[in-house]
C-alpha atoms as a PDB file:
ATOM      1  CA  MET A   1       0.190   0.630   0.470  1.00  0.00           C
ATOM      2  CA  PHE A   2       1.076   3.672  -1.203  1.00  0.00           C
ATOM      3  CA  GLN A   3       1.854   4.917   2.899  1.00  0.00           C
ATOM      4  CA  PRO A   4       3.686   8.500   0.606  1.00  0.00           C
ATOM      5  CA  ALA A   5       4.459  11.780   3.531  1.00  0.00           C
ATOM      6  CA  GLY A   6       3.025  14.874   2.161  1.00  0.00           C
ATOM      7  CA  PRO A   7      -0.992  14.727  -0.113  1.00  0.00           C
ATOM      8  CA  VAL A   8      -1.046  11.714  -1.503  1.00  0.00           C
ATOM      9  CA  PHE A   9      -3.120  14.808  -3.949  1.00  0.00           C
ATOM     10  CA  SER A  10      -3.051  18.061  -5.477  1.00  0.00           C
ATOM     11  CA  VAL A  11      -6.920  19.719  -6.940  1.00  0.00           C
ATOM     12  CA  ILE A  12      -6.772  22.960  -8.448  1.00  0.00           C
ATOM     13  CA  ILE A  13      -9.197  24.604  -8.237  1.00  0.00           C
ATOM     14  CA  PRO A  14      -9.296  28.093 -10.443  1.00  0.00           C
ATOM     15  CA  VAL A  15     -12.718  30.360  -9.792  1.00  0.00           C
ATOM     16  CA  HIS A  16     -14.474  33.365 -11.274  1.00  0.00           C
ATOM     17  CA  ASN A  17     -17.109  34.853 -10.284  1.00  0.00           C
ATOM     18  CA  ALA A  18     -18.764  31.344  -8.693  1.00  0.00           C
ATOM     19  CA  LYS A  19     -20.106  32.263  -5.203  1.00  0.00           C
ATOM     20  CA  ALA A  20     -22.954  30.133  -6.436  1.00  0.00           C
ATOM     21  CA  THR A  21     -21.908  27.080  -6.942  1.00  0.00           C
ATOM     22  CA  LEU A  22     -18.110  26.904  -5.106  1.00  0.00           C
ATOM     23  CA  GLY A  23     -18.917  26.471  -2.100  1.00  0.00           C
ATOM     24  CA  ALA A  24     -20.516  22.217  -2.687  1.00  0.00           C
ATOM     25  CA  ALA A  25     -17.693  22.307  -5.123  1.00  0.00           C
ATOM     26  CA  LEU A  26     -15.304  22.506  -2.617  1.00  0.00           C
ATOM     27  CA  ALA A  27     -17.721  20.223  -0.156  1.00  0.00           C
ATOM     28  CA  SER A  28     -17.823  17.299  -2.546  1.00  0.00           C
ATOM     29  CA  LEU A  29     -13.992  17.235  -2.350  1.00  0.00           C
ATOM     30  CA  GLN A  30     -14.187  18.178   1.623  1.00  0.00           C
ATOM     31  CA  ALA A  31     -16.404  14.505   1.249  1.00  0.00           C
ATOM     32  CA  GLN A  32     -13.614  11.795  -0.316  1.00  0.00           C
ATOM     33  CA  THR A  33     -12.969   8.739   1.441  1.00  0.00           C
ATOM     34  CA  GLU A  34      -9.452  10.024   0.215  1.00  0.00           C
ATOM     35  CA  THR A  35      -8.151  13.270   2.274  1.00  0.00           C
ATOM     36  CA  ARG A  36      -4.819  13.351   2.080  1.00  0.00           C
ATOM     37  CA  TRP A  37      -4.925  16.225   0.001  1.00  0.00           C
ATOM     38  CA  GLU A  38      -3.871  19.414  -0.074  1.00  0.00           C
ATOM     39  CA  ALA A  39      -6.704  22.131  -2.948  1.00  0.00           C
ATOM     40  CA  PHE A  40      -5.241  25.232  -3.918  1.00  0.00           C
ATOM     41  CA  VAL A  41      -8.127  27.491  -5.709  1.00  0.00           C
ATOM     42  CA  ILE A  42      -7.227  30.779  -7.376  1.00  0.00           C
ATOM     43  CA  ASP A  43      -9.326  33.034  -7.557  1.00  0.00           C
ATOM     44  CA  ASP A  44      -9.491  34.762 -10.669  1.00  0.00           C
ATOM     45  CA  ALA A  45     -10.091  38.191 -10.665  1.00  0.00           C
ATOM     46  CA  SER A  46     -13.542  37.755  -8.972  1.00  0.00           C
ATOM     47  CA  THR A  47     -16.737  40.366  -7.835  1.00  0.00           C
ATOM     48  CA  ASP A  48     -19.263  37.697  -6.784  1.00  0.00           C
ATOM     49  CA  GLY A  49     -17.531  37.731  -3.450  1.00  0.00           C
ATOM     50  CA  SER A  50     -16.314  33.589  -4.237  1.00  0.00           C
ATOM     51  CA  LEU A  51     -13.109  35.588  -2.954  1.00  0.00           C
ATOM     52  CA  ASP A  52     -14.348  35.582   0.686  1.00  0.00           C
ATOM     53  CA  LEU A  53     -15.402  32.229  -0.119  1.00  0.00           C
ATOM     54  CA  ALA A  54     -12.664  30.550  -0.335  1.00  0.00           C
ATOM     55  CA  ARG A  55     -10.652  32.354   2.241  1.00  0.00           C
ATOM     56  CA  ALA A  56     -13.467  31.072   4.897  1.00  0.00           C
ATOM     57  CA  ALA A  57     -13.014  27.805   3.832  1.00  0.00           C
ATOM     58  CA  ALA A  58      -9.296  28.134   3.837  1.00  0.00           C
ATOM     59  CA  ALA A  59      -9.313  29.211   7.435  1.00  0.00           C
ATOM     60  CA  ARG A  60     -11.804  26.447   8.314  1.00  0.00           C
ATOM     61  CA  ASP A  61     -10.052  23.882   7.082  1.00  0.00           C
ATOM     62  CA  PRO A  62      -6.110  23.766   6.288  1.00  0.00           C
ATOM     63  CA  ARG A  63      -5.400  22.326   3.235  1.00  0.00           C
ATOM     64  CA  LEU A  64      -7.371  24.531   1.519  1.00  0.00           C
ATOM     65  CA  GLN A  65      -4.921  26.992  -0.173  1.00  0.00           C
ATOM     66  CA  VAL A  66      -6.497  29.630  -1.674  1.00  0.00           C
ATOM     67  CA  ILE A  67      -4.803  31.859  -4.533  1.00  0.00           C
ATOM     68  CA  HIS A  68      -5.086  35.381  -5.545  1.00  0.00           C
ATOM     69  CA  TYR A  69      -3.159  37.686  -7.093  1.00  0.00           C
ATOM     70  CA  PRO A  70      -4.952  41.563  -7.104  1.00  0.00           C
ATOM     71  CA  GLN A  71      -6.015  41.595 -10.821  1.00  0.00           C
ATOM     72  CA  THR A  72      -8.420  43.981 -12.501  1.00  0.00           C
ATOM     73  CA  ARG A  73      -8.992  41.143 -16.117  1.00  0.00           C
ATOM     74  CA  PRO A  74      -9.724  36.708 -15.938  1.00  0.00           C
ATOM     75  CA  ARG A  75      -6.648  35.459 -17.142  1.00  0.00           C
ATOM     76  CA  GLY A  76      -8.299  32.484 -17.790  1.00  0.00           C
ATOM     77  CA  ALA A  77      -8.650  28.984 -16.535  1.00  0.00           C
ATOM     78  CA  ALA A  78      -6.153  27.621 -18.580  1.00  0.00           C
ATOM     79  CA  ALA A  79      -3.581  30.259 -16.695  1.00  0.00           C
ATOM     80  CA  SER A  80      -5.195  30.019 -13.263  1.00  0.00           C
ATOM     81  CA  ARG A  81      -4.971  26.083 -13.406  1.00  0.00           C
ATOM     82  CA  ASN A  82      -0.760  27.315 -13.791  1.00  0.00           C
ATOM     83  CA  LEU A  83      -0.594  29.175 -10.902  1.00  0.00           C
ATOM     84  CA  GLY A  84      -1.736  26.076  -8.788  1.00  0.00           C
ATOM     85  CA  ILE A  85      -0.469  23.160 -10.613  1.00  0.00           C
ATOM     86  CA  ALA A  86       3.505  25.299 -10.250  1.00  0.00           C
ATOM     87  CA  ARG A  87       3.447  24.318  -6.625  1.00  0.00           C
ATOM     88  CA  ALA A  88       1.542  21.620  -6.380  1.00  0.00           C
ATOM     89  CA  GLN A  89       3.458  19.092  -4.337  1.00  0.00           C
ATOM     90  CA  GLY A  90       1.387  15.820  -3.782  1.00  0.00           C
ATOM     91  CA  HIS A  91       2.095  12.368  -6.246  1.00  0.00           C
ATOM     92  CA  TYR A  92      -1.031  12.919  -8.303  1.00  0.00           C
ATOM     93  CA  LEU A  93      -2.772  16.569  -9.693  1.00  0.00           C
ATOM     94  CA  ALA A  94      -7.009  16.359 -10.112  1.00  0.00           C
ATOM     95  CA  LEU A  95      -8.595  19.500 -11.849  1.00  0.00           C
ATOM     96  CA  LEU A  96     -11.980  20.479  -9.664  1.00  0.00           C
ATOM     97  CA  ASP A  97     -13.850  23.574 -11.514  1.00  0.00           C
ATOM     98  CA  ALA A  98     -15.494  25.214  -9.115  1.00  0.00           C
ATOM     99  CA  ASP A  99     -18.735  25.186 -10.659  1.00  0.00           C
ATOM    100  CA  ASP A 100     -19.049  20.924 -10.240  1.00  0.00           C
ATOM    101  CA  LEU A 101     -18.258  18.147  -7.834  1.00  0.00           C
ATOM    102  CA  TRP A 102     -17.374  15.147  -6.852  1.00  0.00           C
ATOM    103  CA  CYS A 103     -18.543  11.603  -5.635  1.00  0.00           C
ATOM    104  CA  PRO A 104     -16.955  10.624  -2.715  1.00  0.00           C
ATOM    105  CA  GLY A 105     -15.226   8.147  -4.370  1.00  0.00           C
ATOM    106  CA  LYS A 106     -13.294   9.680  -6.578  1.00  0.00           C
ATOM    107  CA  LEU A 107      -9.546   9.851  -5.415  1.00  0.00           C
ATOM    108  CA  ALA A 108      -9.974   6.398  -3.346  1.00  0.00           C
ATOM    109  CA  ALA A 109     -10.391   4.314  -6.090  1.00  0.00           C
ATOM    110  CA  GLN A 110      -8.116   7.188  -8.649  1.00  0.00           C
ATOM    111  CA  LEU A 111      -5.217   5.967  -6.380  1.00  0.00           C
ATOM    112  CA  ALA A 112      -5.847   2.420  -7.023  1.00  0.00           C
ATOM    113  CA  ALA A 113      -5.413   2.461 -10.794  1.00  0.00           C
ATOM    114  CA  PHE A 114      -1.833   5.086  -9.393  1.00  0.00           C
ATOM    115  CA  GLU A 115      -0.949   2.034  -7.588  1.00  0.00           C
ATOM    116  CA  THR A 116      -0.659  -0.731 -10.494  1.00  0.00           C
ATOM    117  CA  GLY A 117       1.195   1.534 -12.630  1.00  0.00           C
ATOM    118  CA  ALA A 118      -1.270   4.314 -14.701  1.00  0.00           C
ATOM    119  CA  ASP A 119       0.044   7.458 -16.085  1.00  0.00           C
ATOM    120  CA  ILE A 120      -3.041   9.703 -15.442  1.00  0.00           C
ATOM    121  CA  VAL A 121      -6.578   8.437 -14.176  1.00  0.00           C
ATOM    122  CA  PHE A 122     -10.233  10.075 -15.944  1.00  0.00           C
ATOM    123  CA  THR A 123     -13.447   8.730 -15.097  1.00  0.00           C
ATOM    124  CA  SER A 124     -18.043   9.164 -16.295  1.00  0.00           C
ATOM    125  CA  TYR A 125     -18.907  12.158 -14.788  1.00  0.00           C
ATOM    126  CA  ARG A 126     -22.654  12.749 -15.486  1.00  0.00           C
ATOM    127  CA  ARG A 127     -24.123  15.595 -17.178  1.00  0.00           C
ATOM    128  CA  ILE A 128     -26.164  18.179 -15.298  1.00  0.00           C
ATOM    129  CA  ASP A 129     -28.708  21.153 -15.406  1.00  0.00           C
ATOM    130  CA  PRO A 130     -28.275  24.688 -13.112  1.00  0.00           C
ATOM    131  CA  THR A 131     -30.508  23.834 -10.597  1.00  0.00           C
ATOM    132  CA  GLY A 132     -29.196  19.616 -10.918  1.00  0.00           C
ATOM    133  CA  ARG A 133     -30.823  17.733 -13.068  1.00  0.00           C
ATOM    134  CA  ASP A 134     -30.289  14.601 -14.591  1.00  0.00           C
ATOM    135  CA  ILE A 135     -29.152  15.387 -18.489  1.00  0.00           C
ATOM    136  CA  GLY A 136     -27.241  12.400 -19.713  1.00  0.00           C
ATOM    137  CA  ILE A 137     -24.192  10.158 -18.879  1.00  0.00           C
ATOM    138  CA  VAL A 138     -20.418  10.059 -20.205  1.00  0.00           C
ATOM    139  CA  SER A 139     -18.839   7.412 -20.052  1.00  0.00           C
ATOM    140  CA  ALA A 140     -14.836   6.745 -19.475  1.00  0.00           C
ATOM    141  CA  PRO A 141     -13.779   4.502 -22.289  1.00  0.00           C
ATOM    142  CA  ALA A 142     -11.281   1.896 -21.339  1.00  0.00           C
ATOM    143  CA  ARG A 143      -8.055   3.169 -22.059  1.00  0.00           C
ATOM    144  CA  VAL A 144      -7.157   6.027 -24.363  1.00  0.00           C
ATOM    145  CA  THR A 145      -4.394   6.785 -26.333  1.00  0.00           C
ATOM    146  CA  TRP A 146      -3.344  10.297 -28.535  1.00  0.00           C
ATOM    147  CA  THR A 147      -3.901   8.483 -31.941  1.00  0.00           C
ATOM    148  CA  ASP A 148      -7.590   7.695 -30.140  1.00  0.00           C
ATOM    149  CA  ALA A 149      -7.611  11.032 -28.281  1.00  0.00           C
ATOM    150  CA  LEU A 150      -6.858  12.359 -31.389  1.00  0.00           C
ATOM    151  CA  SER A 151     -11.102  12.115 -32.947  1.00  0.00           C
ATOM    152  CA  GLY A 152     -12.185  14.506 -29.905  1.00  0.00           C
ATOM    153  CA  ASN A 153     -11.921  14.920 -25.819  1.00  0.00           C
ATOM    154  CA  PRO A 154     -13.832  11.976 -24.066  1.00  0.00           C
ATOM    155  CA  ILE A 155     -11.305  12.644 -20.688  1.00  0.00           C
ATOM    156  CA  GLY A 156     -13.846  15.148 -18.870  1.00  0.00           C
ATOM    157  CA  ALA A 157     -11.379  16.642 -17.118  1.00  0.00           C
ATOM    158  CA  LEU A 158     -13.073  17.538 -13.670  1.00  0.00           C
ATOM    159  CA  THR A 159     -12.915  13.934 -13.685  1.00  0.00           C
ATOM    160  CA  ALA A 160      -8.487  13.525 -14.735  1.00  0.00           C
ATOM    161  CA  ALA A 161      -6.103  13.420 -12.501  1.00  0.00           C
ATOM    162  CA  TRP A 162      -2.228  12.474 -13.671  1.00  0.00           C
ATOM    163  CA  ARG A 163       0.412  11.800 -12.209  1.00  0.00           C
ATOM    164  CA  ARG A 164       3.299  14.434 -11.214  1.00  0.00           C
ATOM    165  CA  ALA A 165       6.458  13.132 -10.943  1.00  0.00           C
ATOM    166  CA  ARG A 166       5.286  11.872 -14.409  1.00  0.00           C
ATOM    167  CA  PHE A 167       5.066  15.302 -16.291  1.00  0.00           C
ATOM    168  CA  PRO A 168       6.856  17.956 -14.409  1.00  0.00           C
ATOM    169  CA  GLN A 169       6.986  20.570 -16.540  1.00  0.00           C
ATOM    170  CA  ALA A 170       3.877  19.684 -17.841  1.00  0.00           C
ATOM    171  CA  ARG A 171       1.611  22.853 -17.764  1.00  0.00           C
ATOM    172  CA  MET A 172      -1.986  24.239 -19.435  1.00  0.00           C
ATOM    173  CA  PRO A 173      -1.719  25.200 -23.077  1.00  0.00           C
ATOM    174  CA  LEU A 174      -2.840  28.743 -22.911  1.00  0.00           C
ATOM    175  CA  ARG A 175      -5.600  29.063 -25.465  1.00  0.00           C
ATOM    176  CA  ASP A 176      -9.309  30.269 -24.653  1.00  0.00           C
ATOM    177  CA  MET A 177     -11.337  27.566 -25.532  1.00  0.00           C
ATOM    178  CA  HIS A 178     -10.546  23.244 -25.147  1.00  0.00           C
ATOM    179  CA  GLU A 179      -7.245  24.275 -23.062  1.00  0.00           C
ATOM    180  CA  ASP A 180      -8.108  20.822 -21.165  1.00  0.00           C
ATOM    181  CA  TYR A 181      -8.256  18.755 -24.729  1.00  0.00           C
ATOM    182  CA  ALA A 182      -5.247  20.108 -25.721  1.00  0.00           C
ATOM    183  CA  PHE A 183      -3.309  19.167 -22.196  1.00  0.00           C
ATOM    184  CA  TRP A 184      -4.664  14.999 -22.257  1.00  0.00           C
ATOM    185  CA  LEU A 185      -3.153  15.360 -26.173  1.00  0.00           C
ATOM    186  CA  MET A 186       0.480  16.690 -24.554  1.00  0.00           C
ATOM    187  CA  LEU A 187       0.717  14.327 -22.216  1.00  0.00           C
ATOM    188  CA  LEU A 188      -0.893  11.702 -24.573  1.00  0.00           C
ATOM    189  CA  ARG A 189       1.671  12.211 -27.626  1.00  0.00           C
ATOM    190  CA  ASP A 190       4.109  12.325 -24.482  1.00  0.00           C
ATOM    191  CA  GLY A 191       3.801   7.666 -24.332  1.00  0.00           C
ATOM    192  CA  ALA A 192       1.259   8.022 -21.777  1.00  0.00           C
ATOM    193  CA  VAL A 193      -1.698   6.058 -21.481  1.00  0.00           C
ATOM    194  CA  ALA A 194      -5.324   7.100 -20.547  1.00  0.00           C
ATOM    195  CA  GLN A 195      -6.886   4.762 -17.774  1.00  0.00           C
ATOM    196  CA  GLY A 196     -11.025   5.154 -17.289  1.00  0.00           C
ATOM    197  CA  LEU A 197     -12.836   4.319 -15.092  1.00  0.00           C
ATOM    198  CA  PRO A 198     -16.940   3.433 -15.963  1.00  0.00           C
ATOM    199  CA  GLU A 199     -18.072   3.728 -13.277  1.00  0.00           C
ATOM    200  CA  VAL A 200     -19.614   7.562 -12.760  1.00  0.00           C
ATOM    201  CA  PHE A 201     -17.293   9.675 -10.027  1.00  0.00           C
ATOM    202  CA  ALA A 202     -18.135  13.376 -11.065  1.00  0.00           C
ATOM    203  CA  ASP A 203     -21.047  15.902 -12.369  1.00  0.00           C
ATOM    204  CA  TYR A 204     -20.255  17.756 -14.718  1.00  0.00           C
ATOM    205  CA  ARG A 205     -23.039  21.466 -14.429  1.00  0.00           C
ATOM    206  CA  VAL A 206     -23.385  22.444 -17.588  1.00  0.00           C
ATOM    207  CA  HIS A 207     -24.939  25.804 -18.145  1.00  0.00           C
ATOM    208  CA  ALA A 208     -26.367  27.113 -21.478  1.00  0.00           C
ATOM    209  CA  HIS A 209     -23.997  30.753 -21.999  1.00  0.00           C
ATOM    210  CA  SER A 210     -20.988  28.244 -21.331  1.00  0.00           C
ATOM    211  CA  ALA A 211     -18.132  28.351 -23.778  1.00  0.00           C
ATOM    212  CA  SER A 212     -18.296  24.487 -24.353  1.00  0.00           C
ATOM    213  CA  ALA A 213     -21.900  24.902 -25.900  1.00  0.00           C
ATOM    214  CA  ASN A 214     -20.613  27.506 -28.321  1.00  0.00           C
ATOM    215  CA  LYS A 215     -20.560  24.630 -31.358  1.00  0.00           C
ATOM    216  CA  ALA A 216     -19.149  26.337 -34.098  1.00  0.00           C
ATOM    217  CA  ARG A 217     -16.238  28.113 -31.716  1.00  0.00           C
ATOM    218  CA  ALA A 218     -15.842  24.482 -29.870  1.00  0.00           C
ATOM    219  CA  ALA A 219     -15.066  23.617 -33.794  1.00  0.00           C
ATOM    220  CA  ARG A 220     -12.999  26.140 -35.108  1.00  0.00           C
ATOM    221  CA  ALA A 221     -10.928  25.454 -31.731  1.00  0.00           C
ATOM    222  CA  VAL A 222     -10.131  21.282 -32.531  1.00  0.00           C
ATOM    223  CA  TRP A 223      -9.234  22.637 -35.553  1.00  0.00           C
ATOM    224  CA  SER A 224      -6.801  24.536 -34.506  1.00  0.00           C
ATOM    225  CA  ILE A 225      -5.669  22.786 -31.492  1.00  0.00           C
ATOM    226  CA  LEU A 226      -4.911  19.358 -33.512  1.00  0.00           C
ATOM    227  CA  GLY A 227      -2.846  22.062 -36.811  1.00  0.00           C
ATOM    228  CA  THR A 228      -0.642  21.819 -33.840  1.00  0.00           C
ATOM    229  CA  GLN A 229      -0.099  18.008 -32.721  1.00  0.00           C
ATOM    230  CA  ASP A 230       2.081  17.221 -36.828  1.00  0.00           C
ATOM    231  CA  LEU A 231       0.035  16.390 -38.895  1.00  0.00           C
ATOM    232  CA  SER A 232      -1.160  16.221 -42.556  1.00  0.00           C
ATOM    233  CA  MET A 233      -3.606  18.375 -44.042  1.00  0.00           C
ATOM    234  CA  SER A 234      -5.323  14.888 -44.379  1.00  0.00           C
ATOM    235  CA  GLU A 235      -4.577  13.304 -41.373  1.00  0.00           C
ATOM    236  CA  ARG A 236      -5.896  16.871 -39.556  1.00  0.00           C
ATOM    237  CA  ALA A 237      -8.938  17.182 -41.815  1.00  0.00           C
ATOM    238  CA  ARG A 238      -9.658  13.216 -41.151  1.00  0.00           C
ATOM    239  CA  TYR A 239      -9.754  13.094 -37.848  1.00  0.00           C
ATOM    240  CA  PHE A 240     -12.330  16.771 -37.047  1.00  0.00           C
ATOM    241  CA  LEU A 241     -14.243  14.947 -39.590  1.00  0.00           C
ATOM    242  CA  ARG A 242     -14.666  12.028 -36.949  1.00  0.00           C
ATOM    243  CA  TYR A 243     -14.749  14.675 -33.710  1.00  0.00           C
ATOM    244  CA  ALA A 244     -17.582  16.143 -35.826  1.00  0.00           C
ATOM    245  CA  SER A 245     -19.633  13.275 -36.500  1.00  0.00           C
ATOM    246  CA  ARG A 246     -19.092  11.610 -33.225  1.00  0.00           C
ATOM    247  CA  SER A 247     -20.238  15.228 -32.327  1.00  0.00           C
ATOM    248  CA  VAL A 248     -23.340  14.985 -34.018  1.00  0.00           C
ATOM    249  CA  SER A 249     -24.327  12.672 -32.847  1.00  0.00           C
ATOM    250  CA  ARG A 250     -24.147  12.712 -28.699  1.00  0.00           C
ATOM    251  CA  ARG A 251     -26.399  16.251 -29.873  1.00  0.00           C
ATOM    252  CA  PHE A 252     -29.207  13.843 -31.234  1.00  0.00           C
ATOM    253  CA  ARG A 253     -28.963  11.892 -28.544  1.00  0.00           C
ATOM    254  CA  ALA A 254     -28.920  14.011 -26.050  1.00  0.00           C
END
């Protein structure tokens, strides 16, 4: 059994004007059966009281650390996550957004998978609307390679964790959309294989105004990301068409 000194997991939580949901997100982290974690709550120019809420939570739980630099404009999710990643001391890093939720056994299940040698572990998750209503399950494939991921992102960021020693310098690409997809491609292209767990261990809150809801903008972002993968134009087009086909199929099933 793995018995490390210090935190097992470092959890990275960017926050921008998420006072309405941040408390529940932090409560889902604090409810984890695997308790050996540290978490970095990175405030990104919030103006709604999110920072005060985060500081109050950190005053009650020393595992929570708040990162705040005064600024007038948001730096974005990728840059905020990188501030937390740079400070992380855990053996494994995990992402949690301020409007999403984890099930209590998530980190424990991922730790068990890491102990078998996995370098990236992600899980199935539930999509919920702003009221918490279940609107569908996104199932995790058992295994994802770089080639698999070129046809679209199969890894839900809110479910994923990776081994810090395997990717000590890994940082999120500074993109304004799908930065997590670009990040997973970067890790997978380095030779890693991502292990998916079939259990649903997280709830992803879907907002009508979210960036991912803009399908045309999302498609442009995917096309741009594929352009960074040293593919020929025909390969890039082929993988993009697979992404588009799957995206349309998911929309009709929703």
